[in-house]
Amino acid sequence: MQETVTLPTNDIEFEKRDTFRKATILKYFPQSNYGFVKDEHNTEIYFHVDEMRFVGDRRDKSLLVEGRKVGIDIGRTSRGMRVTFMKIY
């Protein structure tokens, strides 16, 4: 059985060993498959569905809605930071 902890700031349960950076979908444009997340440090980070991988049980891009809590891993490119992995909570 996995141990979970509730974070009081956003009322979402995370696995204790989950090491993803926590973020919230700020904007998502489904017709173009891109958007922006805001992490816990208020940094806005770009993502494009075709340029990242989904991890975890929820991998349906229809779940990408503004306000949704996600876990992210980022990479740096010549154009700045981008989401490389996303876990939808």
C-alpha atoms as a PDB file:
ATOM      1  CA  MET A   1       0.000   0.000   0.000  1.00  0.00           C
ATOM      2  CA  GLN A   2       1.417   3.360  -1.011  1.00  0.00           C
ATOM      3  CA  GLU A   3       1.676   6.054   1.609  1.00  0.00           C
ATOM      4  CA  THR A   4       0.045   9.346   0.656  1.00  0.00           C
ATOM      5  CA  VAL A   5       0.183  12.771   2.164  1.00  0.00           C
ATOM      6  CA  THR A   6      -2.330  15.592   1.703  1.00  0.00           C
ATOM      7  CA  LEU A   7      -0.791  18.963   0.964  1.00  0.00           C
ATOM      8  CA  PRO A   8      -2.917  21.677   2.544  1.00  0.00           C
ATOM      9  CA  THR A   9      -2.109  24.310  -0.098  1.00  0.00           C
ATOM     10  CA  ASN A  10      -3.994  22.617  -2.925  1.00  0.00           C
ATOM     11  CA  ASP A  11      -6.034  19.744  -1.409  1.00  0.00           C
ATOM     12  CA  ILE A  12      -4.502  17.130  -3.736  1.00  0.00           C
ATOM     13  CA  GLU A  13      -3.079  13.835  -2.534  1.00  0.00           C
ATOM     14  CA  PHE A  14       0.410  13.060  -3.798  1.00  0.00           C
ATOM     15  CA  GLU A  15       2.414   9.899  -3.388  1.00  0.00           C
ATOM     16  CA  LYS A  16       5.114  10.581  -0.826  1.00  0.00           C
ATOM     17  CA  ARG A  17       7.837   9.328  -3.184  1.00  0.00           C
ATOM     18  CA  ASP A  18       6.500  11.352  -6.118  1.00  0.00           C
ATOM     19  CA  THR A  19       9.389  13.612  -7.109  1.00  0.00           C
ATOM     20  CA  PHE A  20       7.675  15.602  -9.851  1.00  0.00           C
ATOM     21  CA  ARG A  21       7.613  19.371  -9.592  1.00  0.00           C
ATOM     22  CA  LYS A  22       4.048  20.359  -8.707  1.00  0.00           C
ATOM     23  CA  ALA A  23       2.238  22.708 -11.089  1.00  0.00           C
ATOM     24  CA  THR A  24      -1.176  23.878 -12.248  1.00  0.00           C
ATOM     25  CA  ILE A  25      -2.319  24.192 -15.847  1.00  0.00           C
ATOM     26  CA  LEU A  26      -2.568  27.920 -16.408  1.00  0.00           C
ATOM     27  CA  LYS A  27      -3.693  27.977 -20.060  1.00  0.00           C
ATOM     28  CA  TYR A  28      -4.348  25.214 -22.586  1.00  0.00           C
ATOM     29  CA  PHE A  29      -5.220  25.592 -26.255  1.00  0.00           C
ATOM     30  CA  PRO A  30      -6.604  22.171 -27.316  1.00  0.00           C
ATOM     31  CA  GLN A  31      -6.924  23.104 -30.990  1.00  0.00           C
ATOM     32  CA  SER A  32      -3.131  23.651 -31.095  1.00  0.00           C
ATOM     33  CA  ASN A  33      -2.148  21.118 -28.384  1.00  0.00           C
ATOM     34  CA  TYR A  34      -0.038  23.546 -26.369  1.00  0.00           C
ATOM     35  CA  GLY A  35      -0.304  25.494 -23.162  1.00  0.00           C
ATOM     36  CA  PHE A  36       1.402  26.788 -20.060  1.00  0.00           C
ATOM     37  CA  VAL A  37       1.711  25.549 -16.499  1.00  0.00           C
ATOM     38  CA  LYS A  38       2.624  27.543 -13.412  1.00  0.00           C
ATOM     39  CA  ASP A  39       4.812  25.745 -10.882  1.00  0.00           C
ATOM     40  CA  GLU A  40       5.035  26.188  -7.119  1.00  0.00           C
ATOM     41  CA  HIS A  41       7.568  29.014  -7.616  1.00  0.00           C
ATOM     42  CA  ASN A  42       5.124  30.910  -9.905  1.00  0.00           C
ATOM     43  CA  THR A  43       7.259  30.159 -12.973  1.00  0.00           C
ATOM     44  CA  GLU A  44       5.296  29.796 -16.209  1.00  0.00           C
ATOM     45  CA  ILE A  45       6.510  26.888 -18.333  1.00  0.00           C
ATOM     46  CA  TYR A  46       5.482  26.025 -21.903  1.00  0.00           C
ATOM     47  CA  PHE A  47       4.286  22.572 -22.937  1.00  0.00           C
ATOM     48  CA  HIS A  48       3.237  20.970 -26.203  1.00  0.00           C
ATOM     49  CA  VAL A  49       1.444  17.619 -26.135  1.00  0.00           C
ATOM     50  CA  ASP A  50       3.505  16.263 -29.054  1.00  0.00           C
ATOM     51  CA  GLU A  51       6.798  17.189 -27.338  1.00  0.00           C
ATOM     52  CA  MET A  52       6.229  15.534 -23.949  1.00  0.00           C
ATOM     53  CA  ARG A  53       5.302  12.170 -22.467  1.00  0.00           C
ATOM     54  CA  PHE A  54       2.480  11.444 -20.076  1.00  0.00           C
ATOM     55  CA  VAL A  55       3.252   9.252 -17.069  1.00  0.00           C
ATOM     56  CA  GLY A  56       0.959   7.656 -14.524  1.00  0.00           C
ATOM     57  CA  ASP A  57      -2.555   6.288 -14.868  1.00  0.00           C
ATOM     58  CA  ARG A  58      -4.147   9.383 -16.416  1.00  0.00           C
ATOM     59  CA  ARG A  59      -2.775   9.912 -19.905  1.00  0.00           C
ATOM     60  CA  ASP A  60      -5.798  11.299 -21.736  1.00  0.00           C
ATOM     61  CA  LYS A  61      -5.189  14.785 -23.107  1.00  0.00           C
ATOM     62  CA  SER A  62      -8.883  15.571 -22.604  1.00  0.00           C
ATOM     63  CA  LEU A  63      -7.956  15.872 -18.901  1.00  0.00           C
ATOM     64  CA  LEU A  64      -5.771  18.896 -19.706  1.00  0.00           C
ATOM     65  CA  VAL A  65      -7.974  21.701 -18.460  1.00  0.00           C
ATOM     66  CA  GLU A  66      -7.137  25.020 -16.855  1.00  0.00           C
ATOM     67  CA  GLY A  67      -6.744  24.671 -13.094  1.00  0.00           C
ATOM     68  CA  ARG A  68      -5.832  20.947 -13.201  1.00  0.00           C
ATOM     69  CA  LYS A  69      -3.008  19.919 -10.834  1.00  0.00           C
ATOM     70  CA  VAL A  70      -0.117  18.153 -12.560  1.00  0.00           C
ATOM     71  CA  GLY A  71       3.373  16.954 -11.840  1.00  0.00           C
ATOM     72  CA  ILE A  72       6.033  17.998 -14.336  1.00  0.00           C
ATOM     73  CA  ASP A  73       9.615  17.370 -15.294  1.00  0.00           C
ATOM     74  CA  ILE A  74      11.251  20.048 -17.384  1.00  0.00           C
ATOM     75  CA  GLY A  75      14.055  20.319 -19.887  1.00  0.00           C
ATOM     76  CA  ARG A  76      15.921  23.281 -21.282  1.00  0.00           C
ATOM     77  CA  THR A  77      16.013  24.045 -24.989  1.00  0.00           C
ATOM     78  CA  SER A  78      17.350  26.942 -27.011  1.00  0.00           C
ATOM     79  CA  ARG A  79      13.898  28.488 -26.590  1.00  0.00           C
ATOM     80  CA  GLY A  80      13.787  28.116 -22.802  1.00  0.00           C
ATOM     81  CA  MET A  81      12.244  25.659 -20.357  1.00  0.00           C
ATOM     82  CA  ARG A  82       9.672  23.162 -21.587  1.00  0.00           C
ATOM     83  CA  VAL A  83       7.736  20.344 -19.971  1.00  0.00           C
ATOM     84  CA  THR A  84       9.187  16.968 -20.962  1.00  0.00           C
ATOM     85  CA  PHE A  85       7.077  14.697 -18.715  1.00  0.00           C
ATOM     86  CA  MET A  86       3.658  15.338 -17.212  1.00  0.00           C
ATOM     87  CA  LYS A  87       1.668  13.411 -14.618  1.00  0.00           C
ATOM     88  CA  ILE A  88      -2.005  14.385 -14.336  1.00  0.00           C
ATOM     89  CA  TYR A  89      -3.427  14.244 -10.790  1.00  0.00           C
END
